[in-house]
Amino acid sequence: MSTLSRADIENIAHLARLALTENEVPAQLNSLSRIIGLVGELEKAATAGVEPMSHPLPGLAARLREDCVTESDHHRLYQRNAPQVEAGLYLVPRVIE
C-alpha cells in the first residue's frame, strides 16, 4: 500500500470537517500510516479455502430473544401536543420547494 503524505492528511481532515493544528498533522500522519500498513499486512494473509463464519465459536448460534411486542402504542397520546396531525402523521411546514 502507498504511504500517506501531509496533503493526504490535510485532505482527509477537510473531508471529516476536522481542524488539525500544525502539531497534530505529523501525529495523524504517523497513526494513519501505521493503520494502512497493518491493513497491508492483513491483506497478505492466506485466506483461500477459509469459509466465512457467522459465529466465533463453532457449533454455537446467536441467542435471539423472541420477537414480541413489549410496549403499548402511545402515538395518540404523543400527538396530542402536536400543532397539526393528519392520519397519524405529524404535519410540518414545507421547507423545500
PDB file of N, CA and C in Angstrom:
ATOM      1  N   MET A   1       0.846  -1.182   0.000  1.00  0.00           N
ATOM      2  CA  MET A   1       0.000   0.000   0.000  1.00  0.00           C
ATOM      3  C   MET A   1       0.888   1.241   0.000  1.00  0.00           C
ATOM      4  N   SER A   2       0.342   2.304  -0.544  1.00  0.00           N
ATOM      5  CA  SER A   2       1.112   3.533  -0.611  1.00  0.00           C
ATOM      6  C   SER A   2       1.125   4.233   0.745  1.00  0.00           C
ATOM      7  N   THR A   3       2.113   5.076   0.923  1.00  0.00           N
ATOM      8  CA  THR A   3       2.199   5.835   2.168  1.00  0.00           C
ATOM      9  C   THR A   3       1.440   7.148   2.006  1.00  0.00           C
ATOM     10  N   LEU A   4       1.038   7.692   3.105  1.00  0.00           N
ATOM     11  CA  LEU A   4       0.282   8.942   3.092  1.00  0.00           C
ATOM     12  C   LEU A   4       1.225  10.134   3.120  1.00  0.00           C
ATOM     13  N   SER A   5       0.786  11.218   2.538  1.00  0.00           N
ATOM     14  CA  SER A   5       1.549  12.457   2.574  1.00  0.00           C
ATOM     15  C   SER A   5       0.825  13.465   3.464  1.00  0.00           C
ATOM     16  N   ARG A   6       1.499  14.558   3.732  1.00  0.00           N
ATOM     17  CA  ARG A   6       0.890  15.629   4.531  1.00  0.00           C
ATOM     18  C   ARG A   6      -0.375  16.143   3.836  1.00  0.00           C
ATOM     19  N   ALA A   7      -0.338  16.251   2.510  1.00  0.00           N
ATOM     20  CA  ALA A   7      -1.508  16.716   1.762  1.00  0.00           C
ATOM     21  C   ALA A   7      -2.675  15.748   1.921  1.00  0.00           C
ATOM     22  N   ASP A   8      -2.380  14.435   1.957  1.00  0.00           N
ATOM     23  CA  ASP A   8      -3.439  13.439   2.169  1.00  0.00           C
ATOM     24  C   ASP A   8      -4.118  13.651   3.518  1.00  0.00           C
ATOM     25  N   ILE A   9      -3.304  13.868   4.557  1.00  0.00           N
ATOM     26  CA  ILE A   9      -3.851  14.068   5.903  1.00  0.00           C
ATOM     27  C   ILE A   9      -4.703  15.335   5.941  1.00  0.00           C
ATOM     28  N   GLU A  10      -4.218  16.389   5.316  1.00  0.00           N
ATOM     29  CA  GLU A  10      -4.988  17.637   5.297  1.00  0.00           C
ATOM     30  C   GLU A  10      -6.294  17.459   4.532  1.00  0.00           C
ATOM     31  N   ASN A  11      -6.271  16.695   3.449  1.00  0.00           N
ATOM     32  CA  ASN A  11      -7.493  16.440   2.687  1.00  0.00           C
ATOM     33  C   ASN A  11      -8.471  15.592   3.497  1.00  0.00           C
ATOM     34  N   ILE A  12      -7.973  14.563   4.151  1.00  0.00           N
ATOM     35  CA  ILE A  12      -8.832  13.714   4.995  1.00  0.00           C
ATOM     36  C   ILE A  12      -9.444  14.548   6.115  1.00  0.00           C
ATOM     37  N   ALA A  13      -8.644  15.406   6.741  1.00  0.00           N
ATOM     38  CA  ALA A  13      -9.149  16.265   7.818  1.00  0.00           C
ATOM     39  C   ALA A  13     -10.225  17.210   7.282  1.00  0.00           C
ATOM     40  N   HIS A  14     -10.015  17.736   6.085  1.00  0.00           N
ATOM     41  CA  HIS A  14     -11.017  18.624   5.483  1.00  0.00           C
ATOM     42  C   HIS A  14     -12.324  17.873   5.233  1.00  0.00           C
ATOM     43  N   LEU A  15     -12.222  16.667   4.662  1.00  0.00           N
ATOM     44  CA  LEU A  15     -13.424  15.879   4.381  1.00  0.00           C
ATOM     45  C   LEU A  15     -14.163  15.489   5.654  1.00  0.00           C
ATOM     46  N   ALA A  16     -13.401  15.256   6.728  1.00  0.00           N
ATOM     47  CA  ALA A  16     -14.005  14.864   8.007  1.00  0.00           C
ATOM     48  C   ALA A  16     -14.392  16.077   8.843  1.00  0.00           C
ATOM     49  N   ARG A  17     -14.201  17.258   8.284  1.00  0.00           N
ATOM     50  CA  ARG A  17     -14.513  18.519   8.972  1.00  0.00           C
ATOM     51  C   ARG A  17     -13.752  18.626  10.301  1.00  0.00           C
ATOM     52  N   LEU A  18     -12.460  18.250  10.269  1.00  0.00           N
ATOM     53  CA  LEU A  18     -11.607  18.338  11.444  1.00  0.00           C
ATOM     54  C   LEU A  18     -10.645  19.503  11.270  1.00  0.00           C
ATOM     55  N   ALA A  19     -10.450  20.262  12.307  1.00  0.00           N
ATOM     56  CA  ALA A  19      -9.494  21.363  12.278  1.00  0.00           C
ATOM     57  C   ALA A  19      -8.231  20.891  12.994  1.00  0.00           C
ATOM     58  N   LEU A  20      -7.244  20.439  12.228  1.00  0.00           N
ATOM     59  CA  LEU A  20      -5.998  19.965  12.814  1.00  0.00           C
ATOM     60  C   LEU A  20      -5.007  21.110  12.934  1.00  0.00           C
ATOM     61  N   THR A  21      -4.321  21.163  14.064  1.00  0.00           N
ATOM     62  CA  THR A  21      -3.265  22.154  14.227  1.00  0.00           C
ATOM     63  C   THR A  21      -2.002  21.636  13.549  1.00  0.00           C
ATOM     64  N   GLU A  22      -1.013  22.506  13.406  1.00  0.00           N
ATOM     65  CA  GLU A  22       0.261  22.113  12.792  1.00  0.00           C
ATOM     66  C   GLU A  22       0.927  20.983  13.571  1.00  0.00           C
ATOM     67  N   ASN A  23       0.761  20.970  14.883  1.00  0.00           N
ATOM     68  CA  ASN A  23       1.370  19.923  15.720  1.00  0.00           C
ATOM     69  C   ASN A  23       0.648  18.584  15.593  1.00  0.00           C
ATOM     70  N   GLU A  24      -0.622  18.604  15.247  1.00  0.00           N
ATOM     71  CA  GLU A  24      -1.414  17.370  15.158  1.00  0.00           C
ATOM     72  C   GLU A  24      -1.210  16.641  13.833  1.00  0.00           C
ATOM     73  N   VAL A  25      -0.848  17.351  12.769  1.00  0.00           N
ATOM     74  CA  VAL A  25      -0.718  16.735  11.454  1.00  0.00           C
ATOM     75  C   VAL A  25       0.315  15.605  11.448  1.00  0.00           C
ATOM     76  N   PRO A  26       1.543  15.808  11.983  1.00  0.00           N
ATOM     77  CA  PRO A  26       2.511  14.701  11.970  1.00  0.00           C
ATOM     78  C   PRO A  26       2.045  13.480  12.776  1.00  0.00           C
ATOM     79  N   ALA A  27       1.372  13.724  13.898  1.00  0.00           N
ATOM     80  CA  ALA A  27       0.878  12.603  14.708  1.00  0.00           C
ATOM     81  C   ALA A  27      -0.186  11.813  13.943  1.00  0.00           C
ATOM     82  N   GLN A  28      -1.086  12.519  13.261  1.00  0.00           N
ATOM     83  CA  GLN A  28      -2.121  11.849  12.475  1.00  0.00           C
ATOM     84  C   GLN A  28      -1.513  11.125  11.284  1.00  0.00           C
ATOM     85  N   LEU A  29      -0.515  11.734  10.673  1.00  0.00           N
ATOM     86  CA  LEU A  29       0.172  11.104   9.552  1.00  0.00           C
ATOM     87  C   LEU A  29       0.800   9.785   9.989  1.00  0.00           C
ATOM     88  N   ASN A  30       1.444   9.792  11.135  1.00  0.00           N
ATOM     89  CA  ASN A  30       2.066   8.578  11.666  1.00  0.00           C
ATOM     90  C   ASN A  30       1.010   7.525  12.000  1.00  0.00           C
ATOM     91  N   SER A  31      -0.052   7.930  12.680  1.00  0.00           N
ATOM     92  CA  SER A  31      -1.090   6.973  13.092  1.00  0.00           C
ATOM     93  C   SER A  31      -1.783   6.341  11.895  1.00  0.00           C
ATOM     94  N   LEU A  32      -2.213   7.171  10.944  1.00  0.00           N
ATOM     95  CA  LEU A  32      -2.932   6.638   9.786  1.00  0.00           C
ATOM     96  C   LEU A  32      -2.010   5.797   8.900  1.00  0.00           C
ATOM     97  N   SER A  33      -0.741   6.174   8.800  1.00  0.00           N
ATOM     98  CA  SER A  33       0.210   5.369   8.022  1.00  0.00           C
ATOM     99  C   SER A  33       0.398   3.996   8.651  1.00  0.00           C
ATOM    100  N   ARG A  34       0.449   3.941   9.973  1.00  0.00           N
ATOM    101  CA  ARG A  34       0.577   2.646  10.663  1.00  0.00           C
ATOM    102  C   ARG A  34      -0.662   1.791  10.449  1.00  0.00           C
ATOM    103  N   ILE A  35      -1.843   2.415  10.479  1.00  0.00           N
ATOM    104  CA  ILE A  35      -3.094   1.675  10.260  1.00  0.00           C
ATOM    105  C   ILE A  35      -3.114   1.108   8.848  1.00  0.00           C
ATOM    106  N   ILE A  36      -2.737   1.920   7.867  1.00  0.00           N
ATOM    107  CA  ILE A  36      -2.711   1.443   6.482  1.00  0.00           C
ATOM    108  C   ILE A  36      -1.678   0.329   6.327  1.00  0.00           C
ATOM    109  N   GLY A  37      -0.554   0.443   7.020  1.00  0.00           N
ATOM    110  CA  GLY A  37       0.449  -0.628   6.998  1.00  0.00           C
ATOM    111  C   GLY A  37      -0.101  -1.927   7.567  1.00  0.00           C
ATOM    112  N   LEU A  38      -0.869  -1.833   8.643  1.00  0.00           N
ATOM    113  CA  LEU A  38      -1.475  -3.023   9.245  1.00  0.00           C
ATOM    114  C   LEU A  38      -2.475  -3.656   8.285  1.00  0.00           C
ATOM    115  N   VAL A  39      -3.265  -2.834   7.615  1.00  0.00           N
ATOM    116  CA  VAL A  39      -4.215  -3.360   6.630  1.00  0.00           C
ATOM    117  C   VAL A  39      -3.455  -4.070   5.521  1.00  0.00           C
ATOM    118  N   GLY A  40      -2.329  -3.502   5.106  1.00  0.00           N
ATOM    119  CA  GLY A  40      -1.498  -4.145   4.088  1.00  0.00           C
ATOM    120  C   GLY A  40      -0.991  -5.501   4.539  1.00  0.00           C
ATOM    121  N   GLU A  41      -0.613  -5.610   5.806  1.00  0.00           N
ATOM    122  CA  GLU A  41      -0.168  -6.905   6.342  1.00  0.00           C
ATOM    123  C   GLU A  41      -1.316  -7.907   6.366  1.00  0.00           C
ATOM    124  N   LEU A  42      -2.501  -7.460   6.736  1.00  0.00           N
ATOM    125  CA  LEU A  42      -3.658  -8.357   6.782  1.00  0.00           C
ATOM    126  C   LEU A  42      -4.022  -8.865   5.386  1.00  0.00           C
ATOM    127  N   GLU A  43      -3.807  -8.010   4.374  1.00  0.00           N
ATOM    128  CA  GLU A  43      -4.119  -8.433   3.008  1.00  0.00           C
ATOM    129  C   GLU A  43      -3.208  -9.565   2.547  1.00  0.00           C
ATOM    130  N   LYS A  44      -2.057  -9.714   3.165  1.00  0.00           N
ATOM    131  CA  LYS A  44      -1.110 -10.766   2.787  1.00  0.00           C
ATOM    132  C   LYS A  44      -1.488 -12.136   3.367  1.00  0.00           C
ATOM    133  N   ALA A  45      -2.400 -12.161   4.319  1.00  0.00           N
ATOM    134  CA  ALA A  45      -2.784 -13.420   4.962  1.00  0.00           C
ATOM    135  C   ALA A  45      -3.437 -14.357   3.949  1.00  0.00           C
ATOM    136  N   ALA A  46      -3.046 -15.618   4.018  1.00  0.00           N
ATOM    137  CA  ALA A  46      -3.606 -16.629   3.112  1.00  0.00           C
ATOM    138  C   ALA A  46      -5.008 -17.003   3.596  1.00  0.00           C
ATOM    139  N   THR A  47      -6.012 -16.639   2.822  1.00  0.00           N
ATOM    140  CA  THR A  47      -7.394 -16.919   3.213  1.00  0.00           C
ATOM    141  C   THR A  47      -8.108 -17.804   2.202  1.00  0.00           C
ATOM    142  N   ALA A  48      -7.378 -18.330   1.238  1.00  0.00           N
ATOM    143  CA  ALA A  48      -8.001 -19.209   0.248  1.00  0.00           C
ATOM    144  C   ALA A  48      -8.534 -20.458   0.946  1.00  0.00           C
ATOM    145  N   GLY A  49      -9.764 -20.806   0.664  1.00  0.00           N
ATOM    146  CA  GLY A  49     -10.364 -22.005   1.244  1.00  0.00           C
ATOM    147  C   GLY A  49     -10.918 -21.807   2.641  1.00  0.00           C
ATOM    148  N   VAL A  50     -10.854 -20.607   3.178  1.00  0.00           N
ATOM    149  CA  VAL A  50     -11.393 -20.343   4.510  1.00  0.00           C
ATOM    150  C   VAL A  50     -12.837 -19.893   4.359  1.00  0.00           C
ATOM    151  N   GLU A  51     -13.736 -20.629   5.005  1.00  0.00           N
ATOM    152  CA  GLU A  51     -15.156 -20.281   4.931  1.00  0.00           C
ATOM    153  C   GLU A  51     -15.488 -19.177   5.916  1.00  0.00           C
ATOM    154  N   PRO A  52     -16.308 -18.224   5.507  1.00  0.00           N
ATOM    155  CA  PRO A  52     -16.744 -17.190   6.457  1.00  0.00           C
ATOM    156  C   PRO A  52     -17.565 -17.835   7.566  1.00  0.00           C
ATOM    157  N   MET A  53     -17.438 -17.305   8.775  1.00  0.00           N
ATOM    158  CA  MET A  53     -18.201 -17.878   9.885  1.00  0.00           C
ATOM    159  C   MET A  53     -19.194 -16.857  10.415  1.00  0.00           C
ATOM    160  N   SER A  54     -20.323 -17.363  10.855  1.00  0.00           N
ATOM    161  CA  SER A  54     -21.352 -16.487  11.389  1.00  0.00           C
ATOM    162  C   SER A  54     -21.243 -16.351  12.897  1.00  0.00           C
ATOM    163  N   HIS A  55     -20.418 -17.184  13.521  1.00  0.00           N
ATOM    164  CA  HIS A  55     -20.253 -17.155  14.965  1.00  0.00           C
ATOM    165  C   HIS A  55     -18.815 -17.536  15.280  1.00  0.00           C
ATOM    166  N   PRO A  56     -18.172 -16.878  16.233  1.00  0.00           N
ATOM    167  CA  PRO A  56     -16.767 -17.177  16.510  1.00  0.00           C
ATOM    168  C   PRO A  56     -16.519 -18.545  17.144  1.00  0.00           C
ATOM    169  N   LEU A  57     -17.539 -19.144  17.711  1.00  0.00           N
ATOM    170  CA  LEU A  57     -17.375 -20.456  18.334  1.00  0.00           C
ATOM    171  C   LEU A  57     -18.125 -21.493  17.516  1.00  0.00           C
ATOM    172  N   PRO A  58     -17.420 -22.468  16.943  1.00  0.00           N
ATOM    173  CA  PRO A  58     -18.070 -23.469  16.087  1.00  0.00           C
ATOM    174  C   PRO A  58     -19.187 -24.212  16.816  1.00  0.00           C
ATOM    175  N   GLY A  59     -20.265 -24.467  16.100  1.00  0.00           N
ATOM    176  CA  GLY A  59     -21.368 -25.247  16.658  1.00  0.00           C
ATOM    177  C   GLY A  59     -22.344 -24.444  17.491  1.00  0.00           C
ATOM    178  N   LEU A  60     -22.067 -23.170  17.713  1.00  0.00           N
ATOM    179  CA  LEU A  60     -22.973 -22.356  18.510  1.00  0.00           C
ATOM    180  C   LEU A  60     -23.689 -21.355  17.610  1.00  0.00           C
ATOM    181  N   ALA A  61     -24.830 -20.909  18.055  1.00  0.00           N
ATOM    182  CA  ALA A  61     -25.595 -19.904  17.310  1.00  0.00           C
ATOM    183  C   ALA A  61     -25.895 -18.747  18.240  1.00  0.00           C
ATOM    184  N   ALA A  62     -26.162 -17.610  17.655  1.00  0.00           N
ATOM    185  CA  ALA A  62     -26.514 -16.442  18.460  1.00  0.00           C
ATOM    186  C   ALA A  62     -27.874 -16.663  19.112  1.00  0.00           C
ATOM    187  N   ARG A  63     -27.936 -16.379  20.392  1.00  0.00           N
ATOM    188  CA  ARG A  63     -29.211 -16.500  21.092  1.00  0.00           C
ATOM    189  C   ARG A  63     -30.009 -15.238  20.848  1.00  0.00           C
ATOM    190  N   LEU A  64     -31.148 -15.382  20.247  1.00  0.00           N
ATOM    191  CA  LEU A  64     -32.002 -14.247  19.945  1.00  0.00           C
ATOM    192  C   LEU A  64     -33.243 -14.296  20.821  1.00  0.00           C
ATOM    193  N   ARG A  65     -33.668 -13.126  21.237  1.00  0.00           N
ATOM    194  CA  ARG A  65     -34.889 -13.086  22.041  1.00  0.00           C
ATOM    195  C   ARG A  65     -36.100 -13.265  21.135  1.00  0.00           C
ATOM    196  N   GLU A  66     -37.195 -13.658  21.719  1.00  0.00           N
ATOM    197  CA  GLU A  66     -38.433 -13.820  20.970  1.00  0.00           C
ATOM    198  C   GLU A  66     -38.884 -12.460  20.452  1.00  0.00           C
ATOM    199  N   ASP A  67     -39.340 -12.419  19.226  1.00  0.00           N
ATOM    200  CA  ASP A  67     -39.789 -11.177  18.614  1.00  0.00           C
ATOM    201  C   ASP A  67     -41.247 -10.947  18.984  1.00  0.00           C
ATOM    202  N   CYS A  68     -41.451 -10.207  20.059  1.00  0.00           N
ATOM    203  CA  CYS A  68     -42.813  -9.941  20.503  1.00  0.00           C
ATOM    204  C   CYS A  68     -42.912  -8.492  20.982  1.00  0.00           C
ATOM    205  N   VAL A  69     -44.108  -7.946  20.931  1.00  0.00           N
ATOM    206  CA  VAL A  69     -44.360  -6.574  21.358  1.00  0.00           C
ATOM    207  C   VAL A  69     -44.312  -6.524  22.876  1.00  0.00           C
ATOM    208  N   THR A  70     -43.507  -5.589  23.405  1.00  0.00           N
ATOM    209  CA  THR A  70     -43.408  -5.450  24.861  1.00  0.00           C
ATOM    210  C   THR A  70     -43.899  -4.084  25.342  1.00  0.00           C
ATOM    211  N   GLU A  71     -44.113  -3.151  24.419  1.00  0.00           N
ATOM    212  CA  GLU A  71     -44.585  -1.819  24.776  1.00  0.00           C
ATOM    213  C   GLU A  71     -45.925  -1.570  24.107  1.00  0.00           C
ATOM    214  N   SER A  72     -46.764  -0.793  24.759  1.00  0.00           N
ATOM    215  CA  SER A  72     -48.050  -0.458  24.139  1.00  0.00           C
ATOM    216  C   SER A  72     -47.871   0.784  23.258  1.00  0.00           C
ATOM    217  N   ASP A  73     -48.816   0.984  22.354  1.00  0.00           N
ATOM    218  CA  ASP A  73     -48.764   2.078  21.389  1.00  0.00           C
ATOM    219  C   ASP A  73     -49.297   3.349  22.036  1.00  0.00           C
ATOM    220  N   HIS A  74     -48.447   4.372  22.144  1.00  0.00           N
ATOM    221  CA  HIS A  74     -48.843   5.636  22.763  1.00  0.00           C
ATOM    222  C   HIS A  74     -48.871   6.783  21.767  1.00  0.00           C
ATOM    223  N   HIS A  75     -48.911   6.508  20.470  1.00  0.00           N
ATOM    224  CA  HIS A  75     -48.775   7.593  19.497  1.00  0.00           C
ATOM    225  C   HIS A  75     -49.889   8.626  19.597  1.00  0.00           C
ATOM    226  N   ARG A  76     -51.109   8.218  19.918  1.00  0.00           N
ATOM    227  CA  ARG A  76     -52.204   9.191  20.047  1.00  0.00           C
ATOM    228  C   ARG A  76     -51.933  10.150  21.213  1.00  0.00           C
ATOM    229  N   LEU A  77     -51.424   9.622  22.300  1.00  0.00           N
ATOM    230  CA  LEU A  77     -51.080  10.452  23.455  1.00  0.00           C
ATOM    231  C   LEU A  77     -49.982  11.445  23.083  1.00  0.00           C
ATOM    232  N   TYR A  78     -48.966  10.984  22.380  1.00  0.00           N
ATOM    233  CA  TYR A  78     -47.847  11.843  21.998  1.00  0.00           C
ATOM    234  C   TYR A  78     -48.269  12.899  20.984  1.00  0.00           C
ATOM    235  N   GLN A  79     -49.221  12.574  20.134  1.00  0.00           N
ATOM    236  CA  GLN A  79     -49.628  13.514  19.094  1.00  0.00           C
ATOM    237  C   GLN A  79     -50.601  14.579  19.593  1.00  0.00           C
ATOM    238  N   ARG A  80     -51.069  14.466  20.812  1.00  0.00           N
ATOM    239  CA  ARG A  80     -51.966  15.484  21.356  1.00  0.00           C
ATOM    240  C   ARG A  80     -51.289  16.852  21.420  1.00  0.00           C
ATOM    241  N   ASN A  81     -49.977  16.881  21.641  1.00  0.00           N
ATOM    242  CA  ASN A  81     -49.242  18.142  21.743  1.00  0.00           C
ATOM    243  C   ASN A  81     -48.855  18.707  20.390  1.00  0.00           C
ATOM    244  N   ALA A  82     -48.975  17.943  19.336  1.00  0.00           N
ATOM    245  CA  ALA A  82     -48.552  18.400  18.012  1.00  0.00           C
ATOM    246  C   ALA A  82     -49.516  19.444  17.474  1.00  0.00           C
ATOM    247  N   PRO A  83     -48.993  20.498  16.820  1.00  0.00           N
ATOM    248  CA  PRO A  83     -49.874  21.519  16.261  1.00  0.00           C
ATOM    249  C   PRO A  83     -50.783  20.987  15.161  1.00  0.00           C
ATOM    250  N   GLN A  84     -50.274  20.088  14.305  1.00  0.00           N
ATOM    251  CA  GLN A  84     -51.094  19.532  13.232  1.00  0.00           C
ATOM    252  C   GLN A  84     -50.778  18.044  13.054  1.00  0.00           C
ATOM    253  N   VAL A  85     -51.833  17.256  13.015  1.00  0.00           N
ATOM    254  CA  VAL A  85     -51.706  15.809  12.802  1.00  0.00           C
ATOM    255  C   VAL A  85     -52.777  15.400  11.822  1.00  0.00           C
ATOM    256  N   GLU A  86     -52.419  14.521  10.903  1.00  0.00           N
ATOM    257  CA  GLU A  86     -53.410  14.007   9.961  1.00  0.00           C
ATOM    258  C   GLU A  86     -53.079  12.549   9.670  1.00  0.00           C
ATOM    259  N   ALA A  87     -54.054  11.684   9.822  1.00  0.00           N
ATOM    260  CA  ALA A  87     -53.899  10.248   9.560  1.00  0.00           C
ATOM    261  C   ALA A  87     -52.730   9.652  10.351  1.00  0.00           C
ATOM    262  N   GLY A  88     -52.552  10.133  11.579  1.00  0.00           N
ATOM    263  CA  GLY A  88     -51.494   9.603  12.428  1.00  0.00           C
ATOM    264  C   GLY A  88     -50.105  10.126  12.103  1.00  0.00           C
ATOM    265  N   LEU A  89     -50.018  11.138  11.222  1.00  0.00           N
ATOM    266  CA  LEU A  89     -48.730  11.705  10.833  1.00  0.00           C
ATOM    267  C   LEU A  89     -48.635  13.143  11.302  1.00  0.00           C
ATOM    268  N   TYR A  90     -47.423  13.579  11.654  1.00  0.00           N
ATOM    269  CA  TYR A  90     -47.183  14.966  12.031  1.00  0.00           C
ATOM    270  C   TYR A  90     -47.086  15.808  10.760  1.00  0.00           C
ATOM    271  N   LEU A  91     -47.823  16.896  10.696  1.00  0.00           N
ATOM    272  CA  LEU A  91     -47.753  17.809   9.563  1.00  0.00           C
ATOM    273  C   LEU A  91     -46.822  18.958   9.920  1.00  0.00           C
ATOM    274  N   VAL A  92     -45.863  19.227   9.046  1.00  0.00           N
ATOM    275  CA  VAL A  92     -44.891  20.286   9.285  1.00  0.00           C
ATOM    276  C   VAL A  92     -44.859  21.223   8.096  1.00  0.00           C
ATOM    277  N   PRO A  93     -44.407  22.455   8.278  1.00  0.00           N
ATOM    278  CA  PRO A  93     -44.336  23.395   7.162  1.00  0.00           C
ATOM    279  C   PRO A  93     -43.340  22.911   6.098  1.00  0.00           C
ATOM    280  N   ARG A  94     -43.661  23.187   4.848  1.00  0.00           N
ATOM    281  CA  ARG A  94     -42.764  22.836   3.754  1.00  0.00           C
ATOM    282  C   ARG A  94     -41.544  23.747   3.810  1.00  0.00           C
ATOM    283  N   VAL A  95     -40.349  23.157   3.716  1.00  0.00           N
ATOM    284  CA  VAL A  95     -39.130  23.958   3.753  1.00  0.00           C
ATOM    285  C   VAL A  95     -38.381  23.890   2.426  1.00  0.00           C
ATOM    286  N   ILE A  96     -38.714  22.944   1.580  1.00  0.00           N
ATOM    287  CA  ILE A  96     -38.086  22.818   0.260  1.00  0.00           C
ATOM    288  C   ILE A  96     -39.177  22.916  -0.780  1.00  0.00           C
ATOM    289  N   GLU A  97     -38.975  23.771  -1.755  1.00  0.00           N
ATOM    290  CA  GLU A  97     -39.980  23.955  -2.805  1.00  0.00           C
ATOM    291  C   GLU A  97     -39.696  23.057  -3.979  1.00  0.00           C
TER     292      GLU A  97
END
